């Protein structure tokens, strides 16, 4: 029954911390892929909750404990709806749970604060623009080294970065394609596709999403303009075809949680 079920160590750590119950896993390496026994681990995986913790079934399918009948003659994998994006298959429950996990994290960390900052951002106030960018890069993206390069090595003074950023964000229009929207950000030396797209996602999560190394490695989207166009196109298609309620930025957050299971989960740890 549980053959082929495993979970990324970071997701397992999140579950163990949130559940606050004794567990059998010992010290958990956040980059390991940890084998699961679905019956034994069902409570830890959130069986009594509306949203369970997403995990992997085999190498390319993301699921939750609610996608399984664990007892009786109908025991086995029984998803209500299957979705696909690029090379990854996942259940509707897994996507909703991952998006909820991302949303809960948003409430509990700095994402909500930075998003609120973006909504009221005065692009003529370069100090405020600089503060927004620093929060995006350092607080949200954990890019302390990137920030150092931006304001010291590449732009000489923080004001130079703020002015370039304000000009970029001021020039965004509803009609521009994702690649066109992204391009001026990637021309700011030291920013790159990942951190440029993070700025766009926090500035306007209804239209934009992050494209970073995890998504690129896990799903194959190139870290360039055409790759960003394709990524946003596929997210929008997924949203429309399956009538998903999530904003594009939050949908990407859920997909990130699912992709992370494989990209940041390595073989070698099992229990």
C-alpha atoms as a PDB file:
ATOM      1  CA  UNK A   1       0.000   0.000   0.000  1.00  0.00           C
ATOM      2  CA  UNK A   2       2.628   2.558   1.002  1.00  0.00           C
ATOM      3  CA  UNK A   3       5.253   1.394  -1.480  1.00  0.00           C
ATOM      4  CA  UNK A   4       6.503   4.418  -3.407  1.00  0.00           C
ATOM      5  CA  UNK A   5       5.194   7.014  -0.926  1.00  0.00           C
ATOM      6  CA  UNK A   6       7.793   9.526   0.235  1.00  0.00           C
ATOM      7  CA  UNK A   7       8.058  13.107   1.408  1.00  0.00           C
ATOM      8  CA  UNK A   8      10.614  15.877   1.150  1.00  0.00           C
ATOM      9  CA  UNK A   9      12.424  16.440   4.443  1.00  0.00           C
ATOM     10  CA  UNK A  10      11.507  20.129   4.669  1.00  0.00           C
ATOM     11  CA  UNK A  11       7.803  19.377   4.251  1.00  0.00           C
ATOM     12  CA  UNK A  12       8.121  16.618   6.852  1.00  0.00           C
ATOM     13  CA  UNK A  13       9.794  19.067   9.236  1.00  0.00           C
ATOM     14  CA  UNK A  14       6.896  21.487   8.717  1.00  0.00           C
ATOM     15  CA  UNK A  15       4.389  18.727   9.456  1.00  0.00           C
ATOM     16  CA  UNK A  16       6.217  17.527  12.569  1.00  0.00           C
ATOM     17  CA  UNK A  17       6.490  21.091  13.907  1.00  0.00           C
ATOM     18  CA  UNK A  18       2.851  21.928  13.218  1.00  0.00           C
ATOM     19  CA  UNK A  19       1.469  18.670  14.594  1.00  0.00           C
ATOM     20  CA  UNK A  20       3.608  18.697  17.731  1.00  0.00           C
ATOM     21  CA  UNK A  21       3.397  14.937  18.243  1.00  0.00           C
ATOM     22  CA  UNK A  22       6.016  12.224  18.782  1.00  0.00           C
ATOM     23  CA  UNK A  23       7.311  10.786  15.523  1.00  0.00           C
ATOM     24  CA  UNK A  24       9.505   7.946  14.329  1.00  0.00           C
ATOM     25  CA  UNK A  25      11.804   9.845  11.965  1.00  0.00           C
ATOM     26  CA  UNK A  26      14.643  10.924  14.237  1.00  0.00           C
ATOM     27  CA  UNK A  27      16.716  13.812  12.944  1.00  0.00           C
ATOM     28  CA  UNK A  28      15.236  14.958   9.643  1.00  0.00           C
ATOM     29  CA  UNK A  29      17.493  16.193   6.861  1.00  0.00           C
ATOM     30  CA  UNK A  30      15.504  18.892   4.998  1.00  0.00           C
ATOM     31  CA  UNK A  31      16.928  17.802   1.615  1.00  0.00           C
ATOM     32  CA  UNK A  32      16.246  14.087   2.068  1.00  0.00           C
ATOM     33  CA  UNK A  33      13.353  12.105   0.661  1.00  0.00           C
ATOM     34  CA  UNK A  34      11.823  10.147   3.502  1.00  0.00           C
ATOM     35  CA  UNK A  35       9.816   6.958   2.950  1.00  0.00           C
ATOM     36  CA  UNK A  36       6.273   6.928   4.342  1.00  0.00           C
ATOM     37  CA  UNK A  37       3.957   4.265   5.646  1.00  0.00           C
ATOM     38  CA  UNK A  38       0.547   5.715   4.833  1.00  0.00           C
ATOM     39  CA  UNK A  39      -1.377   3.918   7.551  1.00  0.00           C
ATOM     40  CA  UNK A  40       1.212   4.506  10.264  1.00  0.00           C
ATOM     41  CA  UNK A  41       1.857   8.140   9.241  1.00  0.00           C
ATOM     42  CA  UNK A  42      -1.706   9.130   8.323  1.00  0.00           C
ATOM     43  CA  UNK A  43      -2.271  11.377  11.355  1.00  0.00           C
ATOM     44  CA  UNK A  44       1.050  13.165  10.888  1.00  0.00           C
ATOM     45  CA  UNK A  45       0.080  13.745   7.243  1.00  0.00           C
ATOM     46  CA  UNK A  46      -3.144  15.449   8.327  1.00  0.00           C
ATOM     47  CA  UNK A  47      -5.831  12.867   7.656  1.00  0.00           C
ATOM     48  CA  UNK A  48      -8.342  14.575   9.973  1.00  0.00           C
ATOM     49  CA  UNK A  49      -7.630  18.066   8.546  1.00  0.00           C
ATOM     50  CA  UNK A  50      -9.223  19.711   5.530  1.00  0.00           C
ATOM     51  CA  UNK A  51      -5.798  20.045   3.905  1.00  0.00           C
ATOM     52  CA  UNK A  52      -3.165  17.347   4.341  1.00  0.00           C
ATOM     53  CA  UNK A  53       0.553  17.732   3.736  1.00  0.00           C
ATOM     54  CA  UNK A  54       1.529  17.033   0.105  1.00  0.00           C
ATOM     55  CA  UNK A  55       3.910  14.171  -0.608  1.00  0.00           C
ATOM     56  CA  UNK A  56       5.026  12.055  -3.575  1.00  0.00           C
ATOM     57  CA  UNK A  57       3.584   8.825  -4.905  1.00  0.00           C
ATOM     58  CA  UNK A  58       6.309   7.392  -7.098  1.00  0.00           C
ATOM     59  CA  UNK A  59       8.641   9.826  -8.823  1.00  0.00           C
ATOM     60  CA  UNK A  60       6.266  12.150 -10.656  1.00  0.00           C
ATOM     61  CA  UNK A  61       2.887  12.314  -8.876  1.00  0.00           C
ATOM     62  CA  UNK A  62       2.092  14.606  -5.941  1.00  0.00           C
ATOM     63  CA  UNK A  63      -0.718  13.583  -3.602  1.00  0.00           C
ATOM     64  CA  UNK A  64      -2.112  13.961  -0.081  1.00  0.00           C
ATOM     65  CA  UNK A  65      -3.320  11.361   2.389  1.00  0.00           C
ATOM     66  CA  UNK A  66      -6.907  12.211   1.364  1.00  0.00           C
ATOM     67  CA  UNK A  67      -6.240  10.712  -2.076  1.00  0.00           C
ATOM     68  CA  UNK A  68      -6.123   7.216  -0.551  1.00  0.00           C
ATOM     69  CA  UNK A  69      -8.569   4.739   0.901  1.00  0.00           C
ATOM     70  CA  UNK A  70      -6.501   3.151   3.648  1.00  0.00           C
ATOM     71  CA  UNK A  71      -8.751   0.285   4.715  1.00  0.00           C
ATOM     72  CA  UNK A  72     -11.314  -2.137   3.371  1.00  0.00           C
ATOM     73  CA  UNK A  73     -11.751  -3.770  -0.010  1.00  0.00           C
ATOM     74  CA  UNK A  74     -11.314  -0.443  -1.841  1.00  0.00           C
ATOM     75  CA  UNK A  75      -7.942   0.340  -0.213  1.00  0.00           C
ATOM     76  CA  UNK A  76      -5.563   2.126  -2.568  1.00  0.00           C
ATOM     77  CA  UNK A  77      -4.935   5.296  -4.535  1.00  0.00           C
ATOM     78  CA  UNK A  78      -8.265   6.949  -5.345  1.00  0.00           C
ATOM     79  CA  UNK A  79      -7.899  10.602  -6.422  1.00  0.00           C
ATOM     80  CA  UNK A  80     -10.987  12.605  -7.349  1.00  0.00           C
ATOM     81  CA  UNK A  81      -9.229  14.746  -9.994  1.00  0.00           C
ATOM     82  CA  UNK A  82      -5.815  14.548 -11.654  1.00  0.00           C
ATOM     83  CA  UNK A  83      -3.973  17.563 -13.096  1.00  0.00           C
ATOM     84  CA  UNK A  84      -0.716  17.899 -14.997  1.00  0.00           C
ATOM     85  CA  UNK A  85       1.774  20.688 -15.551  1.00  0.00           C
ATOM     86  CA  UNK A  86       4.878  20.093 -17.666  1.00  0.00           C
ATOM     87  CA  UNK A  87       6.316  16.778 -16.450  1.00  0.00           C
ATOM     88  CA  UNK A  88       4.491  16.651 -13.106  1.00  0.00           C
ATOM     89  CA  UNK A  89       1.147  15.061 -12.282  1.00  0.00           C
ATOM     90  CA  UNK A  90      -0.736  15.969  -9.133  1.00  0.00           C
ATOM     91  CA  UNK A  91      -4.155  15.604  -7.605  1.00  0.00           C
ATOM     92  CA  UNK A  92      -6.526  18.505  -7.075  1.00  0.00           C
ATOM     93  CA  UNK A  93      -6.295  17.846  -3.355  1.00  0.00           C
ATOM     94  CA  UNK A  94      -2.495  18.080  -3.499  1.00  0.00           C
ATOM     95  CA  UNK A  95      -2.618  21.419  -5.323  1.00  0.00           C
ATOM     96  CA  UNK A  96      -5.248  22.871  -2.997  1.00  0.00           C
ATOM     97  CA  UNK A  97      -3.282  21.664   0.025  1.00  0.00           C
ATOM     98  CA  UNK A  98       0.002  23.057  -1.301  1.00  0.00           C
ATOM     99  CA  UNK A  99      -1.602  26.404  -2.154  1.00  0.00           C
ATOM    100  CA  UNK A 100      -3.148  26.458   1.318  1.00  0.00           C
ATOM    101  CA  UNK A 101       0.253  25.643   2.848  1.00  0.00           C
ATOM    102  CA  UNK A 102       1.715  28.556   0.916  1.00  0.00           C
ATOM    103  CA  UNK A 103      -1.180  30.827   1.935  1.00  0.00           C
ATOM    104  CA  UNK A 104      -0.805  29.910   5.611  1.00  0.00           C
ATOM    105  CA  UNK A 105       2.924  30.607   5.391  1.00  0.00           C
ATOM    106  CA  UNK A 106       2.062  33.925   3.730  1.00  0.00           C
ATOM    107  CA  UNK A 107      -0.029  34.949   6.715  1.00  0.00           C
ATOM    108  CA  UNK A 108       2.624  33.833   9.186  1.00  0.00           C
ATOM    109  CA  UNK A 109       5.697  35.339   7.560  1.00  0.00           C
ATOM    110  CA  UNK A 110       6.645  38.522   5.750  1.00  0.00           C
ATOM    111  CA  UNK A 111       4.847  37.930   2.441  1.00  0.00           C
ATOM    112  CA  UNK A 112       1.605  39.633   3.458  1.00  0.00           C
ATOM    113  CA  UNK A 113       3.498  42.641   4.781  1.00  0.00           C
ATOM    114  CA  UNK A 114       5.576  43.021   1.610  1.00  0.00           C
ATOM    115  CA  UNK A 115       2.498  42.589  -0.602  1.00  0.00           C
ATOM    116  CA  UNK A 116       0.720  45.311   1.371  1.00  0.00           C
ATOM    117  CA  UNK A 117       3.798  47.499   0.952  1.00  0.00           C
ATOM    118  CA  UNK A 118       3.635  46.985  -2.818  1.00  0.00           C
ATOM    119  CA  UNK A 119      -0.047  47.999  -3.008  1.00  0.00           C
ATOM    120  CA  UNK A 120       0.661  51.428  -1.545  1.00  0.00           C
ATOM    121  CA  UNK A 121       4.107  51.912  -3.041  1.00  0.00           C
ATOM    122  CA  UNK A 122       4.806  55.444  -4.266  1.00  0.00           C
ATOM    123  CA  UNK A 123       7.209  54.967  -7.173  1.00  0.00           C
ATOM    124  CA  UNK A 124       8.336  58.578  -6.855  1.00  0.00           C
ATOM    125  CA  UNK A 125       9.564  57.880  -3.310  1.00  0.00           C
ATOM    126  CA  UNK A 126      12.931  56.248  -3.979  1.00  0.00           C
ATOM    127  CA  UNK A 127      13.489  55.443  -0.303  1.00  0.00           C
ATOM    128  CA  UNK A 128      10.221  53.503  -0.244  1.00  0.00           C
ATOM    129  CA  UNK A 129      11.095  51.766  -3.526  1.00  0.00           C
ATOM    130  CA  UNK A 130      14.469  50.762  -2.109  1.00  0.00           C
ATOM    131  CA  UNK A 131      12.830  49.433   1.066  1.00  0.00           C
ATOM    132  CA  UNK A 132      10.374  47.368  -1.004  1.00  0.00           C
ATOM    133  CA  UNK A 133      13.185  45.906  -3.113  1.00  0.00           C
ATOM    134  CA  UNK A 134      15.309  45.083  -0.069  1.00  0.00           C
ATOM    135  CA  UNK A 135      12.355  43.267   1.490  1.00  0.00           C
ATOM    136  CA  UNK A 136      11.768  41.314  -1.727  1.00  0.00           C
ATOM    137  CA  UNK A 137      15.412  40.297  -2.133  1.00  0.00           C
ATOM    138  CA  UNK A 138      16.588  39.856   1.449  1.00  0.00           C
ATOM    139  CA  UNK A 139      13.499  38.980   3.488  1.00  0.00           C
ATOM    140  CA  UNK A 140      11.392  37.112   0.932  1.00  0.00           C
ATOM    141  CA  UNK A 141      14.050  35.737  -1.406  1.00  0.00           C
ATOM    142  CA  UNK A 142      16.816  35.174   1.164  1.00  0.00           C
ATOM    143  CA  UNK A 143      19.200  36.873  -1.230  1.00  0.00           C
ATOM    144  CA  UNK A 144      21.558  38.697   1.112  1.00  0.00           C
ATOM    145  CA  UNK A 145      24.479  38.263  -1.294  1.00  0.00           C
ATOM    146  CA  UNK A 146      22.332  39.371  -4.227  1.00  0.00           C
ATOM    147  CA  UNK A 147      21.377  42.513  -2.351  1.00  0.00           C
ATOM    148  CA  UNK A 148      24.990  43.301  -1.583  1.00  0.00           C
ATOM    149  CA  UNK A 149      25.844  43.050  -5.266  1.00  0.00           C
ATOM    150  CA  UNK A 150      22.862  45.162  -6.289  1.00  0.00           C
ATOM    151  CA  UNK A 151      23.515  48.190  -4.146  1.00  0.00           C
ATOM    152  CA  UNK A 152      27.300  48.086  -3.928  1.00  0.00           C
ATOM    153  CA  UNK A 153      28.988  46.341  -6.830  1.00  0.00           C
ATOM    154  CA  UNK A 154      26.531  46.906  -9.687  1.00  0.00           C
ATOM    155  CA  UNK A 155      24.688  50.147  -8.940  1.00  0.00           C
ATOM    156  CA  UNK A 156      27.310  52.072  -6.944  1.00  0.00           C
ATOM    157  CA  UNK A 157      24.715  53.623  -4.651  1.00  0.00           C
ATOM    158  CA  UNK A 158      21.350  52.340  -3.377  1.00  0.00           C
ATOM    159  CA  UNK A 159      19.650  55.297  -5.079  1.00  0.00           C
ATOM    160  CA  UNK A 160      20.812  53.995  -8.450  1.00  0.00           C
ATOM    161  CA  UNK A 161      19.084  50.686  -7.893  1.00  0.00           C
ATOM    162  CA  UNK A 162      15.930  52.378  -6.605  1.00  0.00           C
ATOM    163  CA  UNK A 163      15.733  54.695  -9.624  1.00  0.00           C
ATOM    164  CA  UNK A 164      16.151  51.809 -12.070  1.00  0.00           C
ATOM    165  CA  UNK A 165      13.544  49.764 -10.212  1.00  0.00           C
ATOM    166  CA  UNK A 166      11.033  52.630 -10.084  1.00  0.00           C
ATOM    167  CA  UNK A 167      11.420  53.245 -13.823  1.00  0.00           C
ATOM    168  CA  UNK A 168      10.867  49.534 -14.494  1.00  0.00           C
ATOM    169  CA  UNK A 169       7.761  49.165 -12.334  1.00  0.00           C
ATOM    170  CA  UNK A 170       6.300  52.453 -13.576  1.00  0.00           C
ATOM    171  CA  UNK A 171       6.530  51.159 -17.142  1.00  0.00           C
ATOM    172  CA  UNK A 172       4.468  48.025 -16.566  1.00  0.00           C
ATOM    173  CA  UNK A 173       1.212  47.952 -18.513  1.00  0.00           C
ATOM    174  CA  UNK A 174      -1.742  45.577 -18.646  1.00  0.00           C
ATOM    175  CA  UNK A 175      -0.976  44.777 -22.294  1.00  0.00           C
ATOM    176  CA  UNK A 176       2.665  43.759 -21.984  1.00  0.00           C
ATOM    177  CA  UNK A 177       3.570  40.077 -22.151  1.00  0.00           C
ATOM    178  CA  UNK A 178       5.295  38.451 -19.170  1.00  0.00           C
ATOM    179  CA  UNK A 179       8.628  38.459 -21.006  1.00  0.00           C
ATOM    180  CA  UNK A 180       8.303  42.154 -21.874  1.00  0.00           C
ATOM    181  CA  UNK A 181       7.365  42.934 -18.266  1.00  0.00           C
ATOM    182  CA  UNK A 182      10.344  40.951 -16.992  1.00  0.00           C
ATOM    183  CA  UNK A 183      13.017  42.237 -19.371  1.00  0.00           C
ATOM    184  CA  UNK A 184      13.776  45.650 -17.784  1.00  0.00           C
ATOM    185  CA  UNK A 185      14.203  43.973 -14.413  1.00  0.00           C
ATOM    186  CA  UNK A 186      16.697  41.464 -15.742  1.00  0.00           C
ATOM    187  CA  UNK A 187      18.681  44.346 -17.252  1.00  0.00           C
ATOM    188  CA  UNK A 188      19.298  45.686 -13.741  1.00  0.00           C
ATOM    189  CA  UNK A 189      22.729  44.172 -13.134  1.00  0.00           C
ATOM    190  CA  UNK A 190      22.708  41.556 -10.415  1.00  0.00           C
ATOM    191  CA  UNK A 191      18.941  40.937 -10.395  1.00  0.00           C
ATOM    192  CA  UNK A 192      18.473  38.064 -12.877  1.00  0.00           C
ATOM    193  CA  UNK A 193      15.259  36.246 -13.831  1.00  0.00           C
ATOM    194  CA  UNK A 194      14.618  34.750 -10.404  1.00  0.00           C
ATOM    195  CA  UNK A 195      14.770  37.969  -8.397  1.00  0.00           C
ATOM    196  CA  UNK A 196      13.242  40.098 -11.142  1.00  0.00           C
ATOM    197  CA  UNK A 197      10.244  37.759 -11.233  1.00  0.00           C
ATOM    198  CA  UNK A 198      10.038  37.885  -7.424  1.00  0.00           C
ATOM    199  CA  UNK A 199       9.635  41.658  -7.661  1.00  0.00           C
ATOM    200  CA  UNK A 200       6.862  41.238 -10.252  1.00  0.00           C
ATOM    201  CA  UNK A 201       5.078  38.557  -8.221  1.00  0.00           C
ATOM    202  CA  UNK A 202       4.976  40.690  -5.070  1.00  0.00           C
ATOM    203  CA  UNK A 203       4.146  43.866  -6.996  1.00  0.00           C
ATOM    204  CA  UNK A 204       1.200  42.292  -8.860  1.00  0.00           C
ATOM    205  CA  UNK A 205       0.361  38.678  -7.811  1.00  0.00           C
ATOM    206  CA  UNK A 206      -2.805  38.671  -9.941  1.00  0.00           C
ATOM    207  CA  UNK A 207      -0.660  38.796 -13.092  1.00  0.00           C
ATOM    208  CA  UNK A 208       2.809  37.545 -12.242  1.00  0.00           C
ATOM    209  CA  UNK A 209       4.589  34.617 -10.614  1.00  0.00           C
ATOM    210  CA  UNK A 210       8.120  33.759  -9.595  1.00  0.00           C
ATOM    211  CA  UNK A 211      10.281  31.676 -11.921  1.00  0.00           C
ATOM    212  CA  UNK A 212      13.291  30.437  -9.972  1.00  0.00           C
ATOM    213  CA  UNK A 213      15.754  27.576  -9.993  1.00  0.00           C
ATOM    214  CA  UNK A 214      13.392  25.141  -8.246  1.00  0.00           C
ATOM    215  CA  UNK A 215      10.694  25.593 -10.900  1.00  0.00           C
ATOM    216  CA  UNK A 216      13.267  25.543 -13.700  1.00  0.00           C
ATOM    217  CA  UNK A 217      14.977  22.363 -12.514  1.00  0.00           C
ATOM    218  CA  UNK A 218      11.766  20.613 -11.564  1.00  0.00           C
ATOM    219  CA  UNK A 219       9.546  21.474 -14.527  1.00  0.00           C
ATOM    220  CA  UNK A 220      11.997  22.504 -17.246  1.00  0.00           C
ATOM    221  CA  UNK A 221      11.048  26.158 -17.784  1.00  0.00           C
ATOM    222  CA  UNK A 222      14.044  28.120 -19.024  1.00  0.00           C
ATOM    223  CA  UNK A 223      15.257  31.009 -16.911  1.00  0.00           C
ATOM    224  CA  UNK A 224      14.786  33.562 -19.683  1.00  0.00           C
ATOM    225  CA  UNK A 225      12.048  35.624 -21.334  1.00  0.00           C
ATOM    226  CA  UNK A 226      10.533  32.840 -23.474  1.00  0.00           C
ATOM    227  CA  UNK A 227      10.625  30.511 -20.467  1.00  0.00           C
ATOM    228  CA  UNK A 228       8.781  33.099 -18.376  1.00  0.00           C
ATOM    229  CA  UNK A 229       6.162  33.563 -21.101  1.00  0.00           C
ATOM    230  CA  UNK A 230       5.586  29.817 -21.257  1.00  0.00           C
ATOM    231  CA  UNK A 231       5.465  29.481 -17.452  1.00  0.00           C
ATOM    232  CA  UNK A 232       2.824  32.217 -17.075  1.00  0.00           C
ATOM    233  CA  UNK A 233       0.868  30.856 -20.050  1.00  0.00           C
ATOM    234  CA  UNK A 234       0.753  27.384 -18.510  1.00  0.00           C
ATOM    235  CA  UNK A 235      -0.239  28.709 -15.086  1.00  0.00           C
ATOM    236  CA  UNK A 236      -3.078  30.718 -16.635  1.00  0.00           C
ATOM    237  CA  UNK A 237      -4.222  27.703 -18.668  1.00  0.00           C
ATOM    238  CA  UNK A 238      -4.225  25.530 -15.556  1.00  0.00           C
ATOM    239  CA  UNK A 239      -6.221  28.157 -13.641  1.00  0.00           C
ATOM    240  CA  UNK A 240      -8.856  28.494 -16.367  1.00  0.00           C
ATOM    241  CA  UNK A 241      -9.205  24.822 -17.323  1.00  0.00           C
ATOM    242  CA  UNK A 242      -9.688  23.683 -13.735  1.00  0.00           C
ATOM    243  CA  UNK A 243     -11.519  26.777 -12.460  1.00  0.00           C
ATOM    244  CA  UNK A 244      -8.902  27.330  -9.767  1.00  0.00           C
ATOM    245  CA  UNK A 245      -9.660  30.197  -7.347  1.00  0.00           C
ATOM    246  CA  UNK A 246      -6.029  31.083  -6.642  1.00  0.00           C
ATOM    247  CA  UNK A 247      -4.279  34.213  -7.884  1.00  0.00           C
ATOM    248  CA  UNK A 248      -1.470  33.463 -10.344  1.00  0.00           C
ATOM    249  CA  UNK A 249       1.182  34.282  -7.731  1.00  0.00           C
ATOM    250  CA  UNK A 250      -0.446  32.040  -5.117  1.00  0.00           C
ATOM    251  CA  UNK A 251      -1.003  29.251  -7.650  1.00  0.00           C
ATOM    252  CA  UNK A 252       2.712  29.353  -8.418  1.00  0.00           C
ATOM    253  CA  UNK A 253       3.389  29.182  -4.675  1.00  0.00           C
ATOM    254  CA  UNK A 254       1.387  25.962  -4.476  1.00  0.00           C
ATOM    255  CA  UNK A 255       3.127  24.508  -7.516  1.00  0.00           C
ATOM    256  CA  UNK A 256       6.471  25.432  -5.917  1.00  0.00           C
ATOM    257  CA  UNK A 257       5.564  23.419  -2.799  1.00  0.00           C
ATOM    258  CA  UNK A 258       4.751  20.404  -5.001  1.00  0.00           C
ATOM    259  CA  UNK A 259       7.846  20.736  -7.199  1.00  0.00           C
ATOM    260  CA  UNK A 260      10.071  21.104  -4.141  1.00  0.00           C
ATOM    261  CA  UNK A 261       9.211  17.518  -3.199  1.00  0.00           C
ATOM    262  CA  UNK A 262      11.402  16.300  -6.053  1.00  0.00           C
ATOM    263  CA  UNK A 263      13.960  19.048  -6.620  1.00  0.00           C
ATOM    264  CA  UNK A 264      14.963  19.319  -2.969  1.00  0.00           C
ATOM    265  CA  UNK A 265      14.434  15.709  -2.080  1.00  0.00           C
ATOM    266  CA  UNK A 266      17.379  13.349  -2.597  1.00  0.00           C
ATOM    267  CA  UNK A 267      17.458   9.602  -2.242  1.00  0.00           C
ATOM    268  CA  UNK A 268      19.187   8.003   0.687  1.00  0.00           C
ATOM    269  CA  UNK A 269      17.037   8.361   3.817  1.00  0.00           C
ATOM    270  CA  UNK A 270      14.222   6.000   4.689  1.00  0.00           C
ATOM    271  CA  UNK A 271      12.414   4.770   7.744  1.00  0.00           C
END
